[in-house]
Protein backbone atom coordinates (compact mmCIF):
# COMPACT_ATOMS: atom_id res chain seq x y z
CA MET A 1 -18.63 2.61 -23.32
CA PHE A 2 -19.43 6.40 -24.26
CA THR A 3 -17.49 7.32 -27.78
CA LYS A 4 -17.58 11.14 -26.44
CA GLN A 5 -14.81 11.83 -24.49
CA ALA A 6 -12.72 15.10 -23.60
CA VAL A 7 -8.66 14.44 -23.56
CA LEU A 8 -6.82 17.76 -22.79
CA VAL A 9 -3.71 17.94 -22.81
CA SER A 10 -1.64 20.53 -21.38
CA LEU A 11 0.00 23.33 -23.69
CA MET A 12 1.81 24.03 -20.22
CA LEU A 13 5.03 22.82 -19.22
CA LEU A 14 4.25 21.12 -15.48
CA THR A 15 5.82 23.38 -12.40
CA LEU A 16 8.35 20.74 -11.06
CA PHE A 17 10.48 21.80 -8.28
CA THR A 18 12.76 19.86 -5.88
CA HIS A 19 11.98 20.80 -2.40
CA ALA A 20 15.37 20.45 -0.59
CA HIS A 21 14.48 22.93 2.45
CA GLY A 22 12.51 21.31 5.21
CA GLN A 23 14.01 17.72 4.41
CA SER A 24 13.36 15.13 6.55
CA PRO A 25 15.83 12.78 7.78
CA GLY A 26 15.68 9.70 5.31
CA VAL A 27 14.08 11.72 2.28
CA LEU A 28 16.55 12.06 -0.23
CA TRP A 29 14.42 13.83 -2.94
CA SER A 30 11.10 15.51 -2.97
CA ARG A 31 9.05 16.68 -6.43
CA LEU A 32 5.95 18.35 -6.86
CA TYR A 33 3.48 18.17 -9.37
CA GLY A 34 0.75 20.78 -10.65
CA GLY A 35 -0.44 24.26 -11.68
CA SER A 36 -2.07 27.09 -9.61
CA GLY A 37 -5.19 24.81 -9.13
CA GLY A 38 -5.28 21.21 -6.78
CA ASP A 39 -3.71 18.73 -7.95
CA ALA A 40 -3.57 15.47 -6.25
CA ALA A 41 -1.81 12.22 -6.37
CA ARG A 42 -3.72 8.61 -5.42
CA ASP A 43 -1.94 5.98 -6.79
CA LEU A 44 1.66 5.55 -7.53
CA ILE A 45 2.39 2.19 -9.67
CA LYS A 46 6.31 1.25 -11.00
CA THR A 47 6.07 1.06 -14.60
CA SER A 48 8.25 -1.05 -16.26
CA GLU A 49 10.59 0.76 -18.13
CA GLY A 50 11.51 2.16 -14.58
CA GLY A 51 9.73 5.25 -14.24
CA PHE A 52 7.18 5.71 -11.94
CA LEU A 53 3.19 6.57 -12.86
CA ILE A 54 0.75 9.21 -10.91
CA ALA A 55 -2.69 9.32 -11.56
CA GLY A 56 -4.67 11.31 -9.47
CA SER A 57 -6.68 14.35 -10.37
CA THR A 58 -6.28 18.19 -11.05
CA GLU A 59 -7.90 21.65 -11.62
CA ASN A 60 -4.91 22.69 -14.10
CA PHE A 61 -3.70 22.09 -17.61
CA GLY A 62 -6.95 22.61 -19.64
CA ALA A 63 -9.27 20.87 -16.66
CA ILE A 64 -13.55 21.49 -17.01
CA GLY A 65 -13.82 21.20 -13.21
CA VAL A 66 -11.94 18.66 -11.87
CA ASP A 67 -9.84 16.29 -14.28
CA ILE A 68 -7.87 12.89 -13.82
CA TYR A 69 -4.53 13.67 -14.20
CA VAL A 70 -2.23 11.45 -14.69
CA VAL A 71 2.17 11.75 -14.73
CA LYS A 72 4.31 9.45 -16.21
CA THR A 73 8.01 9.87 -14.78
CA ASP A 74 11.64 8.74 -14.47
CA SER A 75 13.11 7.24 -12.45
CA ALA A 76 14.38 10.21 -10.96
CA GLY A 77 10.65 11.46 -10.55
CA ILE A 78 12.00 13.88 -13.76
CA VAL A 79 8.09 14.17 -15.92
CA ASP A 80 8.14 12.76 -19.36
CA TRP A 81 4.31 13.45 -19.95
CA GLU A 82 1.42 14.89 -18.28
CA LYS A 83 -2.52 15.14 -19.33
CA SER A 84 -5.33 15.71 -17.97
CA ILE A 85 -8.38 13.44 -19.10
CA GLY A 86 -12.26 14.34 -18.18
CA GLY A 87 -15.46 15.39 -18.89
CA VAL A 88 -17.56 18.70 -18.19
CA GLU A 89 -17.72 18.04 -14.58
CA THR A 90 -15.90 16.02 -11.95
CA ASP A 91 -13.74 13.01 -12.60
CA ARG A 92 -10.82 11.24 -10.86
CA ALA A 93 -8.20 8.72 -10.69
CA TYR A 94 -8.08 6.30 -7.51
CA SER A 95 -6.06 3.17 -9.14
CA ALA A 96 -3.32 2.79 -12.00
CA LEU A 97 -2.19 -0.35 -13.61
CA GLU A 98 0.27 -1.34 -16.43
CA THR A 99 -0.72 -3.98 -18.49
CA LEU A 100 1.25 -6.97 -20.27
CA ASP A 101 1.64 -4.75 -23.31
CA GLY A 102 2.63 -1.20 -21.74
CA ASP A 103 -0.63 0.21 -21.99
CA TYR A 104 -2.19 2.08 -18.32
CA LEU A 105 -5.46 1.50 -17.31
CA LEU A 106 -7.02 4.66 -14.98
CA ALA A 107 -10.31 3.80 -12.67
CA GLY A 108 -11.57 5.96 -10.83
CA ALA A 109 -15.48 7.15 -9.93
CA SER A 110 -16.58 10.59 -12.76
CA ASN A 111 -20.25 11.97 -12.86
CA SER A 112 -19.55 14.09 -16.42
CA PHE A 113 -21.43 11.13 -18.52
CA ASN A 114 -24.88 11.65 -16.91
CA ALA A 115 -28.15 14.70 -16.60
CA SER A 116 -28.07 13.31 -12.98
CA ALA A 117 -24.73 14.50 -11.75
CA VAL A 118 -24.29 10.90 -10.03
CA ASP A 119 -21.18 9.21 -9.71
CA GLN A 120 -20.12 6.37 -11.98
CA GLY A 121 -17.17 3.82 -11.77
CA ILE A 122 -14.78 4.78 -15.13
CA LEU A 123 -12.35 2.90 -17.03
CA TYR A 124 -9.27 4.63 -19.02
CA ARG A 125 -6.70 2.79 -21.23
CA LEU A 126 -4.15 4.97 -22.50
CA ASP A 127 -1.27 4.07 -24.58
CA GLU A 128 2.25 4.31 -23.52
CA GLU A 129 2.35 7.96 -24.50
CA GLY A 130 -1.08 8.59 -22.30
CA SER A 131 -3.19 9.02 -25.23
CA VAL A 132 -6.66 7.76 -24.64
CA LEU A 133 -7.33 4.49 -26.57
CA TRP A 134 -10.98 4.03 -24.88
CA PHE A 135 -13.61 4.71 -21.67
CA HIS A 136 -16.29 2.86 -20.18
CA VAL A 137 -18.46 3.76 -17.32
CA TYR A 138 -20.00 1.87 -15.01
CA GLY A 139 -22.87 2.26 -12.58
CA ASP A 140 -26.53 3.35 -13.68
CA THR A 141 -27.71 7.13 -12.43
CA THR A 142 -29.78 6.44 -9.21
CA ALA A 143 -27.08 5.80 -6.90
CA ASN A 144 -23.33 6.93 -6.87
CA THR A 145 -20.70 4.40 -8.25
CA GLY A 146 -16.78 4.28 -7.97
CA PHE A 147 -13.66 2.39 -8.06
CA THR A 148 -11.31 2.18 -5.75
CA GLU A 149 -9.15 -0.58 -7.75
CA VAL A 150 -8.58 -2.05 -10.74
CA LEU A 151 -5.98 -5.37 -10.60
CA SER A 152 -5.37 -7.97 -13.15
CA ALA A 153 -7.51 -10.82 -12.60
CA ILE A 154 -6.22 -14.14 -11.51
CA ASP A 155 -6.85 -15.91 -14.68
CA ASP A 156 -8.06 -12.88 -17.71
CA GLY A 157 -9.20 -9.37 -18.10
CA TYR A 158 -8.98 -7.23 -14.96
CA ILE A 159 -10.87 -6.32 -11.73
CA LEU A 160 -12.60 -3.53 -10.84
CA ALA A 161 -13.35 -3.08 -7.05
CA GLY A 162 -15.05 -0.32 -5.62
CA ASN A 163 -18.74 0.99 -4.52
CA THR A 164 -22.16 0.98 -5.31
CA TYR A 165 -25.89 1.20 -3.49
CA ASP A 166 -23.70 1.43 -0.78
CA ARG A 167 -22.58 -2.22 -1.11
CA PHE A 168 -19.20 -3.17 -1.57
CA TYR A 169 -18.68 -3.86 -5.68
CA LEU A 170 -16.91 -5.79 -7.80
CA LEU A 171 -16.80 -6.38 -11.34
CA LYS A 172 -14.70 -8.55 -13.87
CA VAL A 173 -14.01 -7.05 -17.53
CA ASP A 174 -12.58 -8.16 -20.33
CA GLU A 175 -9.75 -6.74 -21.93
CA GLN A 176 -12.20 -4.05 -23.65
CA GLY A 177 -13.49 -3.26 -20.62
CA GLU A 178 -16.82 -5.10 -21.69
CA VAL A 179 -18.32 -6.51 -17.79
CA ILE A 180 -18.53 -10.41 -18.20
CA TRP A 181 -19.46 -10.24 -14.40
CA GLU A 182 -20.53 -8.28 -10.83
CA ARG A 183 -21.06 -8.40 -8.19
CA THR A 184 -22.12 -6.40 -4.78
CA TYR A 185 -21.93 -7.73 -1.20
CA ASP A 186 -23.79 -5.98 1.61
CA THR A 187 -22.04 -5.36 4.71
CA GLY A 188 -25.24 -4.25 6.66
CA SER A 189 -26.82 -0.86 7.32
CA GLY A 190 -25.76 1.77 9.66
CA ILE A 191 -24.80 4.50 10.37
CA VAL A 192 -22.25 5.57 7.88
CA SER A 193 -22.65 3.78 4.40
CA PRO A 194 -19.89 0.71 4.07
CA ASN A 195 -17.49 1.40 1.83
CA LEU A 196 -14.47 -0.59 -0.07
CA SER A 197 -10.92 1.78 0.39
CA THR A 198 -8.64 -1.95 -1.26
CA ALA A 199 -8.73 -5.06 -2.61
CA ILE A 200 -6.16 -7.47 -3.75
CA ALA A 201 -4.89 -10.75 -5.30
CA THR A 202 -4.04 -13.41 -3.71
CA SER A 203 -2.04 -16.45 -3.79
CA ASP A 204 -4.13 -18.83 -3.36
CA SER A 205 -6.51 -17.30 -6.53
CA SER A 206 -8.38 -15.51 -4.62
CA TYR A 207 -9.42 -11.85 -3.71
CA LEU A 208 -9.53 -9.97 -0.91
CA LEU A 209 -11.51 -6.63 -0.05
CA ALA A 210 -11.30 -4.68 2.59
CA GLY A 211 -13.02 -1.07 4.20
CA ARG A 212 -15.18 -0.21 6.91
CA ASP A 213 -19.48 -2.24 7.18
CA GLY A 214 -21.97 0.32 7.63
CA GLU A 215 -21.38 0.70 11.33
CA GLN A 216 -17.68 1.79 11.19
CA GLN A 217 -16.10 -1.29 11.94
CA PHE A 218 -12.80 -3.12 10.49
CA GLN A 219 -14.53 -5.19 7.31
CA ALA A 220 -12.75 -7.52 5.35
CA ILE A 221 -14.26 -10.03 2.83
CA LYS A 222 -12.55 -13.20 0.61
CA VAL A 223 -13.51 -14.35 -2.37
CA ASP A 224 -13.12 -16.47 -4.92
CA ILE A 225 -12.09 -16.68 -8.81
CA TYR A 226 -16.01 -15.60 -9.55
CA GLY A 227 -16.78 -13.53 -6.69
CA ASN A 228 -18.34 -16.05 -4.85
CA ILE A 229 -17.73 -15.34 -0.45
CA ILE A 230 -15.23 -17.57 0.54
CA TRP A 231 -15.48 -15.40 4.13
CA GLU A 232 -16.48 -12.35 5.70
CA LYS A 233 -15.33 -10.72 8.59
CA ASP A 234 -15.53 -7.68 10.87
CA TYR A 235 -13.16 -6.74 13.72
CA GLY A 236 -14.61 -4.11 15.49
CA PRO A 237 -14.12 -1.97 17.41
CA GLU A 238 -17.15 -1.44 19.00
CA PRO A 239 -19.16 2.18 19.32
CA PRO A 240 -17.88 5.24 20.15
CA CYS A 241 -14.58 4.10 18.48
CA LEU A 242 -14.29 2.92 14.55
CA GLY A 243 -11.77 1.25 12.22
CA TYR A 244 -11.27 1.23 8.67
CA PHE A 245 -9.41 -0.19 6.37
CA LEU A 246 -7.68 1.41 3.56
CA ALA A 247 -4.72 -0.73 2.69
CA ALA A 248 -3.69 -3.96 1.82
CA LYS A 249 -0.75 -6.33 0.68
CA GLU A 250 -0.25 -10.17 0.62
CA THR A 251 3.50 -11.29 2.35
CA PRO A 252 5.46 -13.66 0.63
CA SER A 253 4.25 -16.44 3.32
CA GLY A 254 0.49 -15.71 2.84
CA LEU A 255 -0.47 -14.33 5.18
CA TYR A 256 -2.01 -10.03 4.68
CA ALA A 257 -1.50 -6.91 5.85
CA LEU A 258 -3.59 -4.09 6.34
CA ALA A 259 -3.38 -0.30 7.38
CA GLY A 260 -5.81 2.09 8.05
CA MET A 261 -7.05 4.19 11.29
CA TYR A 262 -8.64 3.41 14.64
CA GLY A 263 -10.13 6.23 16.41
CA GLN A 264 -13.33 7.35 18.47
CA TYR A 265 -15.94 9.34 17.20
CA TYR A 266 -16.87 11.15 20.04
CA PRO A 267 -15.22 14.02 22.02
CA PRO A 268 -12.90 13.79 22.95
CA TYR A 269 -11.65 12.45 19.46
CA TRP A 270 -8.78 11.20 18.21
CA TYR A 271 -7.34 8.85 15.42
CA GLY A 272 -4.32 6.24 15.55
CA GLY A 273 -2.89 4.92 12.19
CA SER A 274 -3.64 0.77 12.30
CA LEU A 275 -2.26 -2.44 11.09
CA HIS A 276 -3.44 -5.72 11.49
CA LEU A 277 -1.89 -9.15 10.83
CA LEU A 278 -4.40 -11.16 9.19
CA THR A 279 -3.81 -15.18 7.82
CA LYS A 280 -5.42 -16.49 4.93
CA ASP A 281 -8.55 -17.28 7.05
CA GLY A 282 -8.81 -14.26 8.69
CA ASN A 283 -7.76 -14.69 11.61
CA VAL A 284 -5.84 -11.73 13.78
CA ILE A 285 -2.49 -12.28 14.36
CA TRP A 286 -1.84 -9.28 15.43
CA ASP A 287 -2.56 -6.21 15.09
CA GLU A 288 -1.63 -2.49 16.86
CA THR A 289 -2.19 1.01 16.72
CA TYR A 290 0.41 3.66 15.95
CA ALA A 291 0.83 7.58 16.86
CA TYR A 292 3.63 9.88 16.17
CA GLU A 293 4.64 11.66 19.19
CA GLY A 294 1.66 11.23 20.82
CA ASN A 295 0.15 13.04 18.16
CA ASP A 296 -3.53 12.52 18.09
CA ARG A 297 -4.26 12.41 14.08
CA THR A 298 -2.77 9.76 12.86
CA PHE A 299 -3.67 7.65 9.39
CA LEU A 300 -2.14 4.37 7.63
CA ARG A 301 -3.22 4.90 3.93
CA ALA A 302 -1.07 2.58 2.22
CA ILE A 303 1.31 -0.23 2.93
CA SER A 304 4.57 -1.38 1.41
CA GLN A 305 5.80 -5.31 2.03
CA TYR A 306 9.81 -5.72 2.27
CA SER A 307 12.10 -8.68 3.65
CA GLN A 308 14.79 -7.14 5.24
CA PRO A 309 17.54 -8.86 8.02
CA VAL A 310 14.57 -7.99 10.21
CA GLN A 311 10.88 -8.21 8.53
CA THR A 312 9.28 -5.15 8.23
CA LEU A 313 6.09 -3.58 7.10
CA THR A 314 6.19 0.24 5.26
CA ALA A 315 2.92 2.09 5.52
CA VAL A 316 2.26 5.72 5.09
CA GLY A 317 0.09 8.25 5.80
CA ASP A 318 -0.62 11.48 7.83
CA THR A 319 -0.28 12.41 11.16
CA ASP A 320 -1.14 15.72 12.76
CA PHE A 321 -1.71 16.75 8.47
CA ASP A 322 1.83 16.21 8.22
CA VAL A 323 3.20 13.02 5.58
CA TYR A 324 3.84 10.12 8.24
CA PHE A 325 6.37 6.58 6.91
CA MET A 326 6.62 4.41 9.97
CA GLN A 327 8.36 1.19 9.60
CA ALA A 328 7.20 -2.51 12.14
CA SER A 329 8.22 -5.87 12.59
CA LEU A 330 6.18 -8.36 10.70
CA SER A 331 6.71 -10.54 13.48
CA THR A 332 5.00 -8.68 16.36
CA GLY A 333 3.52 -5.24 14.63
CA ASN A 334 6.33 -3.27 17.24
CA LYS A 335 7.41 -0.35 15.70
CA LEU A 336 10.67 0.02 14.18
CA SER A 337 11.04 3.73 13.22
CA GLU A 338 9.35 6.43 11.49
CA LEU A 339 9.54 9.73 9.96
CA THR A 340 7.09 12.80 8.60
CA TRP A 341 7.33 15.32 6.65
CA GLY A 342 5.50 18.31 5.33
CA GLY A 343 5.41 21.96 5.96
CA SER A 344 2.49 24.17 7.75
CA ALA A 345 -0.30 23.46 5.79
CA SER A 346 -2.20 19.81 5.26
CA ASP A 347 0.29 17.17 3.32
CA LYS A 348 -0.83 13.33 3.45
CA ALA A 349 0.33 10.35 1.92
CA THR A 350 -1.25 7.73 -0.40
CA SER A 351 0.69 5.05 -2.11
CA ILE A 352 4.19 3.57 -1.20
CA VAL A 353 6.44 1.98 -3.98
CA TYR A 354 9.07 -0.04 -2.83
CA SER A 355 11.95 0.10 -6.13
CA GLY A 356 15.54 -0.55 -5.99
CA ASP A 357 16.44 -0.42 -2.87
CA TYR A 358 14.35 2.64 -1.96
CA TYR A 359 10.78 4.12 -1.25
CA PHE A 360 8.86 5.94 -3.38
CA VAL A 361 6.42 7.64 -1.79
CA ALA A 362 3.11 9.40 -3.76
CA GLY A 363 0.65 11.66 -2.21
CA ILE A 364 -0.88 15.73 -1.44
CA THR A 365 1.02 18.66 0.14
CA ASN A 366 -0.64 22.58 0.60
CA SER A 367 1.99 23.55 1.99
CA TYR A 368 4.45 23.95 -1.15
CA GLY A 369 4.19 24.06 -4.95
CA ALA A 370 2.39 26.40 -6.87
CA GLY A 371 -1.21 25.66 -6.22
CA SER A 372 -3.57 25.23 -3.60
CA SER A 373 -2.60 21.92 -3.58
CA ASP A 374 -0.14 19.82 -6.00
CA ALA A 375 1.42 16.62 -6.35
CA PHE A 376 4.22 15.03 -4.37
CA LEU A 377 6.55 11.95 -5.27
CA LEU A 378 9.15 11.55 -2.05
CA LYS A 379 12.13 8.72 -2.44
CA ILE A 380 12.88 7.46 1.12
CA GLY A 381 16.10 5.31 1.84
CA GLU A 382 15.75 1.77 3.30
CA GLN A 383 17.81 1.98 6.10
CA VAL A 384 15.05 4.63 7.67
CA GLY A 385 15.60 3.60 11.77
CA ILE A 386 16.07 -0.01 10.73
CA SER A 387 19.28 -0.92 12.26
CA GLU A 388 20.21 -3.96 14.22
CA GLU A 389 21.10 -1.96 17.40
CA GLU A 390 17.55 -1.66 17.67
CA SER A 391 17.06 -5.34 17.81
CA VAL A 392 15.79 -7.16 21.23
CA SER A 393 17.08 -10.15 22.43
CA ALA A 394 14.59 -13.15 22.10
CA SER A 395 14.17 -15.87 25.42
CA GLY A 396 17.16 -16.73 25.62
CA SER A 397 20.62 -15.82 23.24
CA LEU A 398 21.00 -16.43 19.95
CA HIS A 399 23.77 -18.45 19.41
CA LEU A 400 26.73 -19.25 16.45
CA ILE A 401 28.96 -21.78 16.06
CA PRO A 402 31.60 -21.80 14.31
CA SER A 403 32.10 -18.26 13.08
CA PRO A 404 33.99 -18.10 10.63
CA PHE A 405 32.24 -21.09 9.61
CA SER A 406 32.97 -22.88 6.13
CA THR A 407 30.18 -25.41 5.73
CA GLU A 408 27.97 -25.72 8.64
CA LEU A 409 26.42 -23.21 10.64
CA GLN A 410 25.02 -24.71 14.03
CA VAL A 411 22.34 -22.50 15.25
CA ALA A 412 20.78 -22.29 18.99
CA PHE A 413 18.60 -20.80 21.25
CA GLU A 414 15.73 -21.16 23.87
CA LEU A 415 12.25 -20.50 24.25
CA GLU A 416 10.76 -18.86 27.51
CA GLU A 417 7.10 -19.65 26.20
CA PHE A 418 5.16 -20.75 23.25
CA SER A 419 5.66 -18.59 20.89
CA GLN A 420 5.17 -18.17 17.07
CA VAL A 421 8.50 -18.53 15.53
CA SER A 422 10.39 -17.15 12.50
CA LEU A 423 13.97 -18.32 11.86
CA HIS A 424 15.90 -17.12 8.30
CA VAL A 425 19.00 -16.55 6.75
CA TYR A 426 19.78 -13.37 5.00
CA ASP A 427 22.33 -11.95 3.06
CA LEU A 428 23.62 -8.50 2.86
CA ALA A 429 21.66 -7.29 0.06
CA GLY A 430 18.24 -8.59 2.64
CA ARG A 431 18.06 -12.11 0.52
CA VAL A 432 16.43 -15.15 2.54
CA VAL A 433 18.78 -17.35 1.32
CA CYS A 434 17.50 -19.83 4.14
CA ASP A 435 13.94 -20.93 6.03
CA LEU A 436 15.42 -22.16 9.24
CA GLU A 437 11.76 -22.46 11.02
CA ASP A 438 8.83 -20.99 10.43
CA GLY A 439 6.13 -21.65 13.05
CA TYR A 440 4.67 -22.20 16.31
CA LEU A 441 6.84 -23.36 19.08
CA THR A 442 6.51 -24.82 22.42
CA ALA A 443 8.83 -23.72 26.00
CA GLY A 444 12.59 -25.42 25.21
CA SER A 445 15.92 -25.23 24.01
CA TYR A 446 16.43 -25.44 19.74
CA GLU A 447 19.78 -26.41 17.68
CA TYR A 448 19.12 -26.24 13.73
CA LEU A 449 22.09 -26.82 11.15
CA TRP A 450 22.93 -24.95 8.18
CA HIS A 451 24.01 -26.78 5.05
CA PRO A 452 24.86 -23.62 2.45
CA ASN A 453 25.00 -25.24 -0.50
CA SER A 454 27.94 -24.91 -2.84
CA GLY A 455 27.15 -21.98 -4.89
CA LEU A 456 26.42 -19.09 -1.90
CA ALA A 457 29.84 -17.16 -1.72
CA ASN A 458 31.77 -16.13 0.57
CA GLY A 459 30.34 -13.75 2.74
CA CYS A 460 28.87 -11.94 5.54
CA TYR A 461 25.51 -13.08 7.01
CA SER A 462 22.70 -12.14 8.81
CA VAL A 463 20.48 -14.52 11.82
CA VAL A 464 17.56 -13.48 12.35
CA LEU A 465 14.95 -15.17 15.66
CA GLU A 466 11.62 -13.77 15.30
CA ALA A 467 10.06 -15.12 18.62
CA GLY A 468 6.15 -13.82 19.60
CA GLU A 469 7.93 -9.68 20.75
CA CYS A 470 11.28 -10.46 20.86
CA ARG A 471 14.00 -10.83 18.35
CA SER A 472 17.54 -11.39 18.03
CA VAL A 473 20.29 -10.88 15.08
CA GLN A 474 23.63 -12.31 15.13
CA ARG A 475 26.15 -11.65 12.13
CA CYS A 476 28.79 -14.61 10.87
CA VAL A 477 30.62 -15.50 7.98
CA ARG A 478 31.39 -17.88 5.46
CA ILE A 479 35.08 -18.55 4.05
CA ARG A 480 36.17 -21.42 2.30
């Protein structure tokens, strides 16, 4: 651990804007953070106090060169405190985590603490007011090292995921940041350096690492709690196309949703946002590529998952240099809705959080604000583009008998072909109240009986059938 640290607390107030003109449908408000230089938001987390923590980089607020930028806000995006943290060169945070005792961890890269100007991985621990408790740097000075994720370890301590020596890099550290073990993963050399962009802890006590390999192919590795490989897979594409996982999320059913980009690096150049849904063994259930109104440059950089009456994946990134927000069916990958936000310059989203029936999106804007770039926070309504009217009938109609009902509801449908089927009942808040089916079914007619428990309230419920590329939603009313 280095004893030298430079913590520069701004003596100026944060310039905060409420951007009203140019708002996109579904964007309820936007906040901008920063000064006259460049500022960026790389990660956004919801805090236990109900507000948000934004982590990234800044050239303002006393920064020497580029410093880590951290902003704590309330639930409306109003600043509680902000800090710049770093040394004499370039320091950036790419991931943030709140600890169980209310401190904050910031992970990223720094070249401020060696004479070689080589990036090293860095981990800061801040108290609830943003004061530095300790920091560590990791990696030697012969190769660039940096962290893209900090996670709570499945057993104890923390996991740091990133890159070193052109390899995926994974560290386990204790509560004080001391190394317990470290692993590197060689994904092969090629035309570019391999890059680990994202990592998550999974419900089966493992870690999923994802990014690209040296041949610019989608790459994912699943490891156990000690970093030992369970499986390792690439998902194409073949040259001259490229694929890059940028974000991952586990669904409630234990599947892995990964967002990123898919494109072609020879003329004519084009890039589309990508989503993959994988089983826990790494097998592809579906993969889709998305573009906004024919744009040839779309990236999906962050992903959020939430179960509504229609189960969705929500991802954000950028399209043609505007912020891009899109929602897709979890079952099929079909695009359900999209919106953009931005101005005349380049704007992109880097992180998304679902909280209290709204999505909160952070990123970087060059179109608005006081400096060459500013950090932003958007509040977006949950209901963007999602409506029952957009549903497509499944193979045969979904029938509910009787409706209204009291103690028993018959749910019937017909499949024309072998399909992956999910059949769930939701309340008006979007919570699953009954799982009737979640698996693969052959062609045929099916009937299910739903017997609500005695404590389930009277009111309106949604029965949602998703089968292959189709889905159907029917409402029913319970009375007693």
